Amino acid sequence: MLSASDVLKILEEIPLWKVVSTLPKRVAELERKIAALEATQTARPSGRTGRECPFCDSQMKVTSEHDDPTFGFAGVKSHIMQCPNCDKMAQRQYDPKKGYVG
């Protein structure tokens, strides 16, 4: 009868087993890398609404709303916005479930 150590010795001779045996360590390393990348992603700073003017950072006002031409089927709206401070215009996608996209 074979012992567990005998079975492990036999498995270590199989090239595919060598690859499989390294997977837990590789997965853990990849998870650490993903976590590091996610931590560096540019998240919207707290207090930001998505309505900030790209020119002067004032809160823009929605002047019109219509279904987004691409994602309207999913409930996404397209907002035309105007800044009361600098009078510039911008268009933003708005998802009622998530807020302003992008």
C-alpha atoms as a PDB file:
ATOM      1  CA  MET A   1       0.000   0.000   0.000  1.00  0.00           C
ATOM      2  CA  LEU A   2       1.233   3.490  -0.894  1.00  0.00           C
ATOM      3  CA  SER A   3       1.635   6.164   1.720  1.00  0.00           C
ATOM      4  CA  ALA A   4       0.778   9.821   1.184  1.00  0.00           C
ATOM      5  CA  SER A   5       4.454  10.698   0.858  1.00  0.00           C
ATOM      6  CA  ASP A   6       4.870   8.028  -1.843  1.00  0.00           C
ATOM      7  CA  VAL A   7       1.936   9.477  -3.773  1.00  0.00           C
ATOM      8  CA  LEU A   8       3.398  12.994  -3.497  1.00  0.00           C
ATOM      9  CA  LYS A   9       6.770  11.768  -4.789  1.00  0.00           C
ATOM     10  CA  ILE A  10       5.059  10.190  -7.786  1.00  0.00           C
ATOM     11  CA  LEU A  11       3.018  13.343  -8.446  1.00  0.00           C
ATOM     12  CA  GLU A  12       6.148  15.516  -8.321  1.00  0.00           C
ATOM     13  CA  GLU A  13       7.452  13.593 -11.327  1.00  0.00           C
ATOM     14  CA  ILE A  14       4.471  14.676 -13.450  1.00  0.00           C
ATOM     15  CA  PRO A  15       5.109  18.048 -15.190  1.00  0.00           C
ATOM     16  CA  LEU A  16       1.460  19.106 -15.018  1.00  0.00           C
ATOM     17  CA  TRP A  17       1.392  18.493 -11.248  1.00  0.00           C
ATOM     18  CA  LYS A  18       4.323  20.862 -10.835  1.00  0.00           C
ATOM     19  CA  VAL A  19       2.290  23.588 -12.530  1.00  0.00           C
ATOM     20  CA  VAL A  20      -0.869  22.791 -10.554  1.00  0.00           C
ATOM     21  CA  SER A  21       0.991  22.786  -7.252  1.00  0.00           C
ATOM     22  CA  THR A  22       2.165  26.385  -7.840  1.00  0.00           C
ATOM     23  CA  LEU A  23      -1.349  27.712  -8.544  1.00  0.00           C
ATOM     24  CA  PRO A  24      -2.312  28.724  -4.974  1.00  0.00           C
ATOM     25  CA  LYS A  25       0.786  30.896  -4.671  1.00  0.00           C
ATOM     26  CA  ARG A  26       0.243  32.390  -8.152  1.00  0.00           C
ATOM     27  CA  VAL A  27      -3.431  33.118  -7.451  1.00  0.00           C
ATOM     28  CA  ALA A  28      -2.567  34.824  -4.168  1.00  0.00           C
ATOM     29  CA  GLU A  29       0.037  36.981  -5.942  1.00  0.00           C
ATOM     30  CA  LEU A  30      -2.432  37.927  -8.689  1.00  0.00           C
ATOM     31  CA  GLU A  31      -5.043  38.843  -6.077  1.00  0.00           C
ATOM     32  CA  ARG A  32      -2.508  41.129  -4.385  1.00  0.00           C
ATOM     33  CA  LYS A  33      -1.705  42.778  -7.729  1.00  0.00           C
ATOM     34  CA  ILE A  34      -5.394  43.295  -8.518  1.00  0.00           C
ATOM     35  CA  ALA A  35      -5.995  44.829  -5.094  1.00  0.00           C
ATOM     36  CA  ALA A  36      -3.050  47.190  -5.640  1.00  0.00           C
ATOM     37  CA  LEU A  37      -4.367  48.224  -9.063  1.00  0.00           C
ATOM     38  CA  GLU A  38      -7.872  48.771  -7.726  1.00  0.00           C
ATOM     39  CA  ALA A  39      -6.463  50.943  -4.954  1.00  0.00           C
ATOM     40  CA  THR A  40      -4.741  53.195  -7.507  1.00  0.00           C
ATOM     41  CA  GLN A  41      -7.804  53.645  -9.715  1.00  0.00           C
ATOM     42  CA  THR A  42      -9.010  57.210  -9.824  1.00  0.00           C
ATOM     43  CA  ALA A  43     -12.178  57.098  -7.807  1.00  0.00           C
ATOM     44  CA  ARG A  44     -14.429  60.118  -7.635  1.00  0.00           C
ATOM     45  CA  PRO A  45     -13.338  62.043  -4.528  1.00  0.00           C
ATOM     46  CA  SER A  46     -15.960  62.166  -1.809  1.00  0.00           C
ATOM     47  CA  GLY A  47     -18.236  65.147  -2.148  1.00  0.00           C
ATOM     48  CA  ARG A  48     -18.054  65.088  -5.952  1.00  0.00           C
ATOM     49  CA  THR A  49     -21.396  64.744  -7.706  1.00  0.00           C
ATOM     50  CA  GLY A  50     -20.460  64.431 -11.379  1.00  0.00           C
ATOM     51  CA  ARG A  51     -22.073  67.809 -12.069  1.00  0.00           C
ATOM     52  CA  GLU A  52     -18.838  69.752 -11.703  1.00  0.00           C
ATOM     53  CA  CYS A  53     -17.967  72.051 -14.587  1.00  0.00           C
ATOM     54  CA  PRO A  54     -14.868  70.775 -16.420  1.00  0.00           C
ATOM     55  CA  PHE A  55     -13.688  74.373 -16.821  1.00  0.00           C
ATOM     56  CA  CYS A  56     -14.281  76.084 -13.462  1.00  0.00           C
ATOM     57  CA  ASP A  57     -15.447  73.238 -11.155  1.00  0.00           C
ATOM     58  CA  SER A  58     -18.756  74.966 -10.275  1.00  0.00           C
ATOM     59  CA  GLN A  59     -21.950  72.895 -10.039  1.00  0.00           C
ATOM     60  CA  MET A  60     -23.594  72.707 -13.451  1.00  0.00           C
ATOM     61  CA  LYS A  61     -27.365  72.775 -13.961  1.00  0.00           C
ATOM     62  CA  VAL A  62     -29.242  70.268 -16.151  1.00  0.00           C
ATOM     63  CA  THR A  63     -30.885  72.143 -19.021  1.00  0.00           C
ATOM     64  CA  SER A  64     -32.250  69.123 -20.901  1.00  0.00           C
ATOM     65  CA  GLU A  65     -32.518  65.375 -20.567  1.00  0.00           C
ATOM     66  CA  HIS A  66     -33.176  62.642 -23.117  1.00  0.00           C
ATOM     67  CA  ASP A  67     -32.589  58.911 -23.471  1.00  0.00           C
ATOM     68  CA  ASP A  68     -28.947  58.166 -24.168  1.00  0.00           C
ATOM     69  CA  PRO A  69     -28.599  57.143 -27.849  1.00  0.00           C
ATOM     70  CA  THR A  70     -26.498  54.099 -26.966  1.00  0.00           C
ATOM     71  CA  PHE A  71     -27.648  53.013 -23.510  1.00  0.00           C
ATOM     72  CA  GLY A  72     -31.139  54.498 -23.345  1.00  0.00           C
ATOM     73  CA  PHE A  73     -32.649  50.997 -23.476  1.00  0.00           C
ATOM     74  CA  ALA A  74     -31.052  50.398 -20.044  1.00  0.00           C
ATOM     75  CA  GLY A  75     -32.478  53.586 -18.544  1.00  0.00           C
ATOM     76  CA  VAL A  76     -29.357  55.735 -19.043  1.00  0.00           C
ATOM     77  CA  LYS A  77     -30.094  59.379 -19.782  1.00  0.00           C
ATOM     78  CA  SER A  78     -28.065  62.023 -21.555  1.00  0.00           C
ATOM     79  CA  HIS A  79     -27.974  65.337 -19.703  1.00  0.00           C
ATOM     80  CA  ILE A  80     -27.096  68.622 -21.336  1.00  0.00           C
ATOM     81  CA  MET A  81     -25.701  70.830 -18.587  1.00  0.00           C
ATOM     82  CA  GLN A  82     -24.786  74.502 -18.352  1.00  0.00           C
ATOM     83  CA  CYS A  83     -22.504  76.145 -15.837  1.00  0.00           C
ATOM     84  CA  PRO A  84     -24.055  79.199 -14.148  1.00  0.00           C
ATOM     85  CA  ASN A  85     -20.567  80.525 -13.381  1.00  0.00           C
ATOM     86  CA  CYS A  86     -18.748  80.410 -16.747  1.00  0.00           C
ATOM     87  CA  ASP A  87     -21.739  79.625 -19.029  1.00  0.00           C
ATOM     88  CA  LYS A  88     -19.971  76.624 -20.618  1.00  0.00           C
ATOM     89  CA  MET A  89     -22.018  73.612 -21.754  1.00  0.00           C
ATOM     90  CA  ALA A  90     -21.325  69.904 -21.273  1.00  0.00           C
ATOM     91  CA  GLN A  91     -23.069  66.625 -21.963  1.00  0.00           C
ATOM     92  CA  ARG A  92     -22.980  63.792 -19.407  1.00  0.00           C
ATOM     93  CA  GLN A  93     -24.417  60.305 -19.196  1.00  0.00           C
ATOM     94  CA  TYR A  94     -26.623  59.783 -16.179  1.00  0.00           C
ATOM     95  CA  ASP A  95     -27.602  56.371 -14.851  1.00  0.00           C
ATOM     96  CA  PRO A  96     -30.400  56.691 -12.276  1.00  0.00           C
ATOM     97  CA  LYS A  97     -28.961  53.678 -10.407  1.00  0.00           C
ATOM     98  CA  LYS A  98     -25.334  54.865 -10.339  1.00  0.00           C
ATOM     99  CA  GLY A  99     -25.345  58.608 -10.904  1.00  0.00           C
ATOM    100  CA  TYR A 100     -23.178  60.322 -13.483  1.00  0.00           C
ATOM    101  CA  VAL A 101     -21.072  57.935 -15.551  1.00  0.00           C
ATOM    102  CA  GLY A 102     -17.478  58.731 -16.399  1.00  0.00           C
END
